[in-house]
Amino acid sequence: MKPIIRVDNLGKRYRIGRRESPYGTLRESLTRAVRAPFERLHRVIRDRRSKLSTDEYGSDPDQEREDQIWAVRNVSFEVMPGDVFGIVGRNGAGKSTLLKLLSRVTEPTTGRVDLYGRVGSLLEVGTGFHPELTGAENIYLNGAILGMKRAEIRRKFDEIVSFAEVEKFVYTPVKHYSSGMYLRLAFAVAAHLEPEILIVDEVLAVGDMKFQAKCLGKMEDVSRAGRTVLFVSHQMATVANLCSRAMLLVDGQKWAEGPSQEIVGQYIALGQDQSGERRWDDPRSAPGNEKVRFHTVRIVSGGETTGDVDIENEVEVQVEYWNQKAHGRFHVSIHLLDKMGVTVLASGNSHTANLIRDEWFDVPQPVGLMRTTCVLPGNFLNEGRYSISAFILNEGGNIEVFQREAVSFTVHDSGAMRGGWGGEWIGAIRPKLAWYSDSLVSQAQALSGVQPR
């Protein structure tokens, strides 16, 4: 059987500091769409003339330069029709860049991509729709780009709108949509307009649990119909269950490829060497914006920063950030994830979610470095590996900056709670709870009138 996707020695190099505009006018978008086939033909002719490819800056792609960085390098793989193929890796591994290359959103520096079918892509929120057009107009525009006739799109229109749950807003320009509405419609369009290849990025994580389950079910339906799905996610349980095969990216290069269960195991093993601390020492380049930026996310247990925690000790999750806004009011939230990327718990520094009163919550904070600490009690988490995703929110509860899996740690169990029993405790938590027993023998006898012998 012939592969539906063939990737050969694919690479993408960026110049550090170079920016690309998020979107232009409708006229500019249509102009780029018309020019795209001719630009692709030019690239084919150029590559055939010379075996040595040149990048967009006119330099040898193998020559290292300090002002450039490889986001993807020397990646090759094939995907067969009907497969659900997972792509996993840590933040910065090159997953999203790879999907943009496959979706023709950006041009490769080296190598080539052969796609034998129509492609529907759902990358970050904002890709694929023009913000000035209504939801309905974007549905027809996306269908036309996929090569569908207007009658075909019309037959799918009601199903798309119903799936996205945007009936009241379908004739409103999408620039006025919330991120959730935008995401629902974008996925519905990508999945229902019958592309042979469906590409889905981690963007599903911003949807609610009900919508995520709905999307996963739809992707299974797409696969059963013989179409191909490329799926990027940090949810290892989802990758293991949904995907037949997967690929692990590390620093922009293919680390491993094989059955999804094996690749998930390698992904987990690679993350076990973290030190319990993630720092950004330069406030100009740290994750964030002009108002607030991360400085440190760390795990403290037994009085020291560590990635190894005794199950009986408290675990402090410390989040430090630079407040760069006079009288800024920021607070911290965390997600605790298990080794499969499933969120075990979420907590935030608010009066309603705090056992104590934080004197700095919801009051103007001085410009400079702030630290917020969350304490997880000892004998609470089960043994195993965990990671922390950290959020900094403003006074309105909106996320200013988010760092997925910023730091990880491993909980070690001495086995003291097991006594003579050698089995394992199941579940993500293993707290010591209050248990007690009463004898009900005398009460039962009194009711039955039976006297003890």
Protein backbone atom coordinates (compact mmCIF):
# COMPACT_ATOMS: atom_id res chain seq x y z
CA MET A 1 0.00 0.00 0.00
CA LYS A 2 1.27 3.49 -0.86
CA PRO A 3 1.82 5.95 2.04
CA ILE A 4 -0.57 8.90 2.14
CA ILE A 5 2.14 11.04 3.81
CA ARG A 6 5.83 10.81 2.99
CA VAL A 7 8.33 13.12 4.69
CA ASP A 8 11.98 13.07 3.61
CA ASN A 9 14.82 14.86 5.45
CA LEU A 10 12.56 17.73 6.44
CA GLY A 11 14.08 20.77 8.13
CA LYS A 12 13.06 24.31 9.10
CA ARG A 13 15.48 27.02 10.21
CA TYR A 14 14.44 30.40 11.63
CA ARG A 15 16.38 33.58 12.15
CA ILE A 16 16.30 34.56 15.83
CA GLY A 17 14.28 37.73 16.30
CA ARG A 18 12.56 37.52 12.90
CA ARG A 19 8.79 38.03 13.11
CA GLU A 20 5.99 36.91 10.87
CA SER A 21 2.72 38.85 10.71
CA PRO A 22 -0.24 36.98 12.26
CA TYR A 23 -2.57 37.77 9.36
CA GLY A 24 -3.14 40.37 6.69
CA THR A 25 -6.11 41.71 4.85
CA LEU A 26 -8.48 39.44 2.94
CA ARG A 27 -6.96 40.76 -0.29
CA GLU A 28 -3.45 39.77 0.88
CA SER A 29 -4.68 36.31 1.95
CA LEU A 30 -6.30 35.66 -1.44
CA THR A 31 -3.17 36.92 -3.22
CA ARG A 32 -0.99 34.51 -1.27
CA ALA A 33 -3.41 31.66 -2.05
CA VAL A 34 -3.20 32.39 -5.81
CA ARG A 35 0.60 32.66 -5.73
CA ALA A 36 1.14 29.48 -3.68
CA PRO A 37 1.01 26.91 -6.57
CA PHE A 38 3.51 28.93 -8.63
CA GLU A 39 5.83 29.31 -5.65
CA ARG A 40 5.73 25.54 -5.06
CA LEU A 41 6.55 24.94 -8.75
CA HIS A 42 9.47 27.33 -8.47
CA ARG A 43 10.79 25.45 -5.44
CA VAL A 44 10.60 22.11 -7.28
CA ILE A 45 12.55 23.52 -10.24
CA ARG A 46 15.10 25.11 -7.91
CA ASP A 47 15.65 21.85 -6.00
CA ARG A 48 16.12 19.86 -9.18
CA ARG A 49 18.75 22.29 -10.45
CA SER A 50 20.93 21.83 -7.42
CA LYS A 51 21.34 19.07 -4.88
CA LEU A 52 22.53 21.60 -2.37
CA SER A 53 19.45 23.35 -1.06
CA THR A 54 19.67 26.97 0.03
CA ASP A 55 17.55 28.45 2.79
CA GLU A 56 15.55 31.65 2.73
CA TYR A 57 18.63 33.65 3.69
CA GLY A 58 20.76 32.26 0.87
CA SER A 59 23.17 30.28 3.04
CA ASP A 60 24.25 26.66 3.11
CA PRO A 61 21.66 24.84 5.27
CA ASP A 62 24.42 22.76 6.88
CA GLN A 63 26.34 25.83 7.98
CA GLU A 64 25.70 26.77 11.64
CA ARG A 65 24.99 30.43 12.40
CA GLU A 66 24.54 32.02 15.82
CA ASP A 67 21.55 34.12 14.72
CA GLN A 68 19.61 31.09 13.43
CA ILE A 69 17.98 28.09 15.05
CA TRP A 70 16.70 24.78 13.69
CA ALA A 71 13.12 24.16 14.83
CA VAL A 72 12.95 20.88 12.84
CA ARG A 73 15.89 19.01 11.35
CA ASN A 74 16.44 15.79 9.36
CA VAL A 75 12.95 14.39 10.04
CA SER A 76 11.74 11.52 7.85
CA PHE A 77 8.69 9.26 8.26
CA GLU A 78 5.72 7.75 6.43
CA VAL A 79 2.05 7.42 7.38
CA MET A 80 -0.29 4.90 5.79
CA PRO A 81 -3.94 5.62 4.83
CA GLY A 82 -6.36 5.22 7.74
CA ASP A 83 -3.66 5.46 10.44
CA VAL A 84 -3.97 7.70 13.50
CA PHE A 85 -0.37 8.85 13.90
CA GLY A 86 0.69 10.61 17.11
CA ILE A 87 3.50 13.16 17.43
CA VAL A 88 4.81 13.72 20.96
CA GLY A 89 7.62 15.69 22.57
CA ARG A 90 8.37 18.28 25.20
CA ASN A 91 7.77 22.01 24.75
CA GLY A 92 10.10 23.32 22.07
CA ALA A 93 10.64 19.89 20.49
CA GLY A 94 9.36 21.11 17.11
CA LYS A 95 5.91 19.50 17.03
CA SER A 96 3.91 22.58 16.00
CA THR A 97 6.54 23.62 13.45
CA LEU A 98 6.38 20.16 11.89
CA LEU A 99 2.60 20.37 11.57
CA LYS A 100 2.87 23.81 9.96
CA LEU A 101 5.29 22.36 7.42
CA LEU A 102 2.91 19.47 6.71
CA SER A 103 -0.02 21.89 6.40
CA ARG A 104 1.90 24.17 3.97
CA VAL A 105 1.53 27.05 6.43
CA THR A 106 5.30 27.59 6.29
CA GLU A 107 7.96 26.55 3.80
CA PRO A 108 10.71 24.03 4.61
CA THR A 109 14.38 24.98 4.61
CA THR A 110 15.42 21.48 3.57
CA GLY A 111 13.73 18.27 2.46
CA ARG A 112 10.26 17.67 1.10
CA VAL A 113 6.74 16.64 2.07
CA ASP A 114 4.49 14.56 -0.20
CA LEU A 115 0.79 14.51 0.71
CA TYR A 116 -1.53 12.33 -1.37
CA GLY A 117 -4.90 13.79 -0.39
CA ARG A 118 -6.78 16.87 0.75
CA VAL A 119 -5.60 18.23 4.12
CA GLY A 120 -7.73 19.70 6.90
CA SER A 121 -5.68 21.37 9.63
CA LEU A 122 -6.49 22.55 13.13
CA LEU A 123 -3.37 24.22 14.47
CA GLU A 124 -3.29 27.06 17.01
CA VAL A 125 -6.48 29.10 17.39
CA GLY A 126 -6.39 31.67 14.61
CA THR A 127 -4.99 29.52 11.82
CA GLY A 128 -7.22 28.75 8.86
CA PHE A 129 -9.95 31.36 9.36
CA HIS A 130 -9.97 34.98 8.28
CA PRO A 131 -11.07 37.11 11.25
CA GLU A 132 -13.05 39.62 9.16
CA LEU A 133 -15.32 36.92 7.69
CA THR A 134 -18.32 35.42 9.44
CA GLY A 135 -18.37 31.83 10.65
CA ALA A 136 -20.55 30.86 7.67
CA GLU A 137 -18.24 32.57 5.17
CA ASN A 138 -15.19 30.85 6.68
CA ILE A 139 -16.92 27.46 6.35
CA TYR A 140 -17.43 28.01 2.62
CA LEU A 141 -13.93 29.48 2.18
CA ASN A 142 -12.28 26.49 3.86
CA GLY A 143 -14.35 24.09 1.78
CA ALA A 144 -13.35 25.89 -1.41
CA ILE A 145 -9.67 25.70 -0.43
CA LEU A 146 -10.11 21.94 0.01
CA GLY A 147 -11.50 21.77 -3.52
CA MET A 148 -15.11 21.06 -2.55
CA LYS A 149 -18.07 22.27 -4.58
CA ARG A 150 -20.53 24.68 -3.01
CA ALA A 151 -23.28 22.01 -3.05
CA GLU A 152 -21.03 19.63 -1.07
CA ILE A 153 -20.31 22.28 1.55
CA ARG A 154 -24.00 23.18 1.79
CA ARG A 155 -24.86 19.54 2.58
CA LYS A 156 -22.38 19.61 5.49
CA PHE A 157 -23.18 23.14 6.68
CA ASP A 158 -25.89 22.35 9.27
CA GLU A 159 -23.90 19.41 10.67
CA ILE A 160 -20.82 21.63 11.12
CA VAL A 161 -22.75 24.41 12.85
CA SER A 162 -24.55 21.94 15.13
CA PHE A 163 -21.31 20.19 16.13
CA ALA A 164 -19.65 23.54 16.90
CA GLU A 165 -22.69 24.77 18.88
CA VAL A 166 -22.47 28.26 17.33
CA GLU A 167 -25.93 28.50 15.75
CA LYS A 168 -26.58 31.99 17.20
CA PHE A 169 -23.26 33.40 16.01
CA VAL A 170 -22.63 31.72 12.65
CA TYR A 171 -23.28 34.99 10.78
CA THR A 172 -21.03 37.03 13.11
CA PRO A 173 -17.40 37.83 12.11
CA VAL A 174 -15.17 35.31 13.87
CA LYS A 175 -12.94 38.09 15.27
CA HIS A 176 -15.73 38.57 17.82
CA TYR A 177 -15.74 34.89 18.85
CA SER A 178 -14.36 33.67 22.16
CA SER A 179 -11.43 31.25 21.92
CA GLY A 180 -13.80 28.38 22.77
CA MET A 181 -16.28 29.28 20.02
CA TYR A 182 -13.46 29.73 17.52
CA LEU A 183 -11.98 26.36 18.44
CA ARG A 184 -15.29 24.51 18.21
CA LEU A 185 -16.02 25.89 14.76
CA ALA A 186 -12.45 25.35 13.52
CA PHE A 187 -12.50 21.69 14.56
CA ALA A 188 -15.97 21.14 13.13
CA VAL A 189 -14.88 22.55 9.77
CA ALA A 190 -11.63 20.57 9.70
CA ALA A 191 -13.32 17.28 10.61
CA HIS A 192 -16.56 17.51 8.62
CA LEU A 193 -15.39 18.74 5.21
CA GLU A 194 -14.02 15.25 4.51
CA PRO A 195 -10.28 15.80 4.05
CA GLU A 196 -8.27 12.65 3.42
CA ILE A 197 -5.75 13.89 6.01
CA LEU A 198 -6.79 15.58 9.28
CA ILE A 199 -4.03 17.37 11.24
CA VAL A 200 -4.86 18.30 14.84
CA ASP A 201 -2.53 20.16 17.22
CA GLU A 202 -2.61 20.44 21.02
CA VAL A 203 -5.15 23.25 20.57
CA LEU A 204 -7.85 20.81 21.80
CA ALA A 205 -6.48 21.36 25.32
CA VAL A 206 -8.21 24.76 25.52
CA GLY A 207 -11.65 23.21 25.14
CA ASP A 208 -13.79 21.90 27.99
CA MET A 209 -13.83 18.21 28.86
CA LYS A 210 -17.14 17.58 27.12
CA PHE A 211 -15.91 19.12 23.89
CA GLN A 212 -12.58 17.26 24.06
CA ALA A 213 -14.44 13.95 24.35
CA LYS A 214 -16.63 14.98 21.42
CA CYS A 215 -13.56 15.75 19.29
CA LEU A 216 -11.80 12.50 20.17
CA GLY A 217 -14.92 10.57 19.19
CA LYS A 218 -15.05 12.40 15.88
CA MET A 219 -11.38 11.62 15.17
CA GLU A 220 -12.09 7.93 15.78
CA ASP A 221 -14.99 8.17 13.31
CA VAL A 222 -12.70 9.83 10.75
CA SER A 223 -10.16 7.00 11.13
CA ARG A 224 -12.81 4.30 10.83
CA ALA A 225 -13.94 5.94 7.58
CA GLY A 226 -10.46 5.28 6.15
CA ARG A 227 -9.08 8.80 6.50
CA THR A 228 -5.76 9.62 8.15
CA VAL A 229 -5.23 11.62 11.36
CA LEU A 230 -2.03 13.30 12.59
CA PHE A 231 -2.46 14.11 16.27
CA VAL A 232 -0.22 16.14 18.60
CA SER A 233 -0.93 16.05 22.33
CA HIS A 234 0.71 16.15 25.76
CA GLN A 235 -1.99 13.77 27.01
CA MET A 236 -0.08 10.49 26.83
CA ALA A 237 -3.11 8.42 27.79
CA THR A 238 -4.99 9.84 24.81
CA VAL A 239 -2.07 9.21 22.45
CA ALA A 240 -1.70 5.62 23.67
CA ASN A 241 -5.42 4.89 23.28
CA LEU A 242 -6.21 6.83 20.08
CA CYS A 243 -3.05 6.36 17.98
CA SER A 244 -1.79 3.15 16.40
CA ARG A 245 1.71 4.54 15.82
CA ALA A 246 3.60 7.56 17.11
CA MET A 247 6.82 9.51 16.75
CA LEU A 248 8.88 11.18 19.48
CA LEU A 249 10.61 14.49 18.71
CA VAL A 250 13.55 15.77 20.77
CA ASP A 251 15.17 19.13 19.97
CA GLY A 252 13.57 19.19 16.53
CA GLN A 253 14.78 15.73 15.48
CA LYS A 254 13.12 12.33 15.37
CA TRP A 255 14.17 10.40 18.47
CA ALA A 256 12.02 7.30 17.95
CA GLU A 257 9.07 5.94 15.95
CA GLY A 258 6.92 2.89 16.55
CA PRO A 259 3.77 1.56 18.27
CA SER A 260 2.20 4.31 20.37
CA GLN A 261 2.54 2.43 23.69
CA GLU A 262 6.30 2.07 23.18
CA ILE A 263 6.76 5.72 22.19
CA VAL A 264 4.75 6.91 25.19
CA GLY A 265 7.05 4.85 27.43
CA GLN A 266 10.13 6.49 25.90
CA TYR A 267 8.58 9.94 26.27
CA ILE A 268 7.98 9.29 29.97
CA ALA A 269 11.50 7.95 30.51
CA LEU A 270 13.07 11.02 28.91
CA GLY A 271 11.36 13.30 31.40
CA GLN A 272 12.67 11.60 34.53
CA ASP A 273 15.98 13.46 34.70
CA GLN A 274 14.59 16.90 35.58
CA SER A 275 16.10 18.59 38.64
CA GLY A 276 12.96 19.97 40.26
CA GLU A 277 13.55 23.56 39.09
CA ARG A 278 12.99 25.61 35.94
CA ARG A 279 14.48 29.12 35.82
CA TRP A 280 14.45 32.04 33.43
CA ASP A 281 17.10 34.52 34.55
CA ASP A 282 16.50 37.23 31.94
CA PRO A 283 13.20 39.10 32.45
CA ARG A 284 13.41 40.35 28.87
CA SER A 285 13.16 36.88 27.32
CA ALA A 286 11.33 34.87 30.01
CA PRO A 287 7.84 33.55 29.17
CA GLY A 288 5.24 36.27 29.60
CA ASN A 289 4.50 39.77 28.35
CA GLU A 290 5.11 43.42 29.21
CA LYS A 291 3.04 43.06 32.39
CA VAL A 292 4.32 39.84 33.98
CA ARG A 293 6.96 37.17 33.29
CA PHE A 294 8.01 33.88 34.88
CA HIS A 295 11.25 33.69 36.87
CA THR A 296 11.19 30.23 38.49
CA VAL A 297 9.00 27.18 39.01
CA ARG A 298 10.51 24.82 41.58
CA ILE A 299 9.78 21.86 43.82
CA VAL A 300 10.96 22.10 47.45
CA SER A 301 10.73 19.12 49.82
CA GLY A 302 12.66 18.34 52.97
CA GLY A 303 14.04 21.88 52.93
CA GLU A 304 15.76 21.67 49.53
CA THR A 305 15.04 22.00 45.82
CA THR A 306 14.71 18.49 44.48
CA GLY A 307 13.20 16.27 41.82
CA ASP A 308 12.95 13.33 44.26
CA VAL A 309 10.36 13.50 47.03
CA ASP A 310 9.78 11.20 50.01
CA ILE A 311 6.11 10.28 50.05
CA GLU A 312 5.80 11.29 53.71
CA ASN A 313 7.17 14.83 53.20
CA GLU A 314 5.32 17.98 52.23
CA VAL A 315 5.85 19.24 48.70
CA GLU A 316 6.11 22.98 48.11
CA VAL A 317 5.42 24.22 44.58
CA GLN A 318 7.03 27.66 44.34
CA VAL A 319 6.25 29.99 41.45
CA GLU A 320 8.29 33.20 41.16
CA TYR A 321 7.44 35.93 38.68
CA TRP A 322 8.45 39.45 37.78
CA ASN A 323 5.60 41.93 38.21
CA GLN A 324 6.40 44.58 35.59
CA LYS A 325 3.20 46.60 35.97
CA ALA A 326 2.80 49.25 38.67
CA HIS A 327 -0.02 48.20 41.01
CA GLY A 328 -0.41 44.94 39.11
CA ARG A 329 -2.70 42.34 40.64
CA PHE A 330 -1.66 38.82 39.67
CA HIS A 331 -2.21 35.41 41.15
CA VAL A 332 -0.95 31.90 40.45
CA SER A 333 -2.68 28.66 39.52
CA ILE A 334 -1.16 25.21 39.00
CA HIS A 335 -2.14 21.94 37.37
CA LEU A 336 -0.62 18.71 38.68
CA LEU A 337 -0.24 16.10 35.92
CA ASP A 338 0.59 12.41 36.23
CA LYS A 339 3.14 10.65 34.03
CA MET A 340 0.58 10.19 31.25
CA GLY A 341 -0.16 13.92 31.11
CA VAL A 342 -3.57 13.57 32.78
CA THR A 343 -4.45 16.40 35.15
CA VAL A 344 -4.69 15.00 38.68
CA LEU A 345 -5.68 18.23 40.39
CA ALA A 346 -5.90 21.96 39.80
CA SER A 347 -5.51 24.63 42.44
CA GLY A 348 -5.24 28.40 42.52
CA ASN A 349 -4.29 31.17 44.90
CA SER A 350 -7.74 32.62 45.53
CA HIS A 351 -9.68 33.21 48.72
CA THR A 352 -12.19 30.49 47.82
CA ALA A 353 -9.51 27.85 47.09
CA ASN A 354 -7.02 28.71 49.84
CA LEU A 355 -6.94 27.14 53.34
CA ILE A 356 -5.28 30.32 54.63
CA ARG A 357 -5.55 33.99 53.73
CA ASP A 358 -2.81 35.30 51.44
CA GLU A 359 -2.16 38.95 52.24
CA TRP A 360 -0.95 39.62 48.67
CA PHE A 361 -3.98 38.15 46.90
CA ASP A 362 -6.10 40.66 44.99
CA VAL A 363 -4.15 43.70 46.23
CA PRO A 364 -1.73 45.96 44.26
CA GLN A 365 1.70 44.34 44.14
CA PRO A 366 5.04 46.20 43.97
CA VAL A 367 7.03 46.11 40.75
CA GLY A 368 9.67 43.40 41.05
CA LEU A 369 10.01 39.75 41.98
CA MET A 370 7.11 37.94 43.66
CA ARG A 371 6.87 34.36 44.96
CA THR A 372 3.71 32.29 45.46
CA THR A 373 3.86 28.89 47.17
CA CYS A 374 1.36 26.03 47.20
CA VAL A 375 1.86 23.27 49.80
CA LEU A 376 0.85 19.68 49.05
CA PRO A 377 0.70 17.64 52.29
CA GLY A 378 2.82 14.59 52.92
CA ASN A 379 1.24 11.16 52.42
CA PHE A 380 -1.04 12.63 49.78
CA LEU A 381 0.38 11.77 46.35
CA ASN A 382 0.97 8.18 45.35
CA GLU A 383 4.41 7.07 44.24
CA GLY A 384 5.30 7.94 40.64
CA ARG A 385 6.30 10.81 38.41
CA TYR A 386 4.38 14.10 38.29
CA SER A 387 4.76 17.44 36.54
CA ILE A 388 3.53 20.95 37.24
CA SER A 389 1.98 23.31 34.70
CA ALA A 390 1.95 26.88 36.01
CA PHE A 391 -0.34 29.80 35.18
CA ILE A 392 -0.20 33.49 36.07
CA LEU A 393 -3.60 35.19 35.94
CA ASN A 394 -4.68 38.82 36.17
CA GLU A 395 -7.27 40.28 38.51
CA GLY A 396 -10.04 39.41 36.03
CA GLY A 397 -9.07 35.72 36.12
CA ASN A 398 -7.67 35.72 32.57
CA ILE A 399 -4.41 33.90 31.85
CA GLU A 400 -1.46 36.23 31.21
CA VAL A 401 1.19 33.51 30.86
CA PHE A 402 1.17 29.71 30.95
CA GLN A 403 4.04 27.20 31.09
CA ARG A 404 3.10 23.59 30.40
CA GLU A 405 4.97 20.94 32.39
CA ALA A 406 7.41 23.55 33.67
CA VAL A 407 8.95 21.17 36.20
CA SER A 408 8.65 17.52 37.16
CA PHE A 409 9.38 15.39 40.20
CA THR A 410 9.14 11.80 41.38
CA VAL A 411 7.46 10.64 44.59
CA HIS A 412 9.14 7.65 46.25
CA ASP A 413 7.24 5.34 48.62
CA SER A 414 9.11 3.50 51.38
CA GLY A 415 6.36 0.89 51.52
CA ALA A 416 5.72 1.50 55.22
CA MET A 417 1.97 1.83 54.69
CA ARG A 418 1.80 -1.58 53.07
CA GLY A 419 2.87 -3.45 56.19
CA GLY A 420 3.29 -7.11 55.27
CA TRP A 421 1.41 -6.62 52.02
CA GLY A 422 3.71 -6.25 49.03
CA GLY A 423 1.27 -4.91 46.44
CA GLU A 424 1.00 -1.43 44.97
CA TRP A 425 -1.49 1.28 45.82
CA ILE A 426 -3.56 2.21 42.78
CA GLY A 427 -4.60 5.73 41.82
CA ALA A 428 -2.87 9.11 41.68
CA ILE A 429 -3.28 9.90 45.38
CA ARG A 430 -2.53 7.80 48.44
CA PRO A 431 -3.59 9.83 51.49
CA LYS A 432 -3.74 8.64 55.08
CA LEU A 433 -7.42 8.91 55.99
CA ALA A 434 -9.29 8.52 59.28
CA TRP A 435 -10.74 5.00 59.66
CA TYR A 436 -12.49 3.48 62.70
CA SER A 437 -14.63 0.45 63.54
CA ASP A 438 -17.45 -0.30 65.98
CA SER A 439 -18.83 -3.61 67.15
CA LEU A 440 -22.50 -3.94 66.28
CA VAL A 441 -22.89 -7.43 67.80
CA SER A 442 -24.67 -6.27 70.99
CA GLN A 443 -27.08 -4.07 69.04
CA ALA A 444 -27.97 -6.95 66.71
CA GLN A 445 -28.55 -9.31 69.64
CA ALA A 446 -30.78 -6.82 71.43
CA LEU A 447 -32.94 -6.46 68.35
CA SER A 448 -33.21 -10.21 67.72
CA GLY A 449 -33.64 -11.21 71.39
CA VAL A 450 -30.84 -13.77 71.06
CA GLN A 451 -28.54 -14.04 74.09
CA PRO A 452 -24.85 -14.76 73.67
CA ARG A 453 -23.74 -18.29 74.71
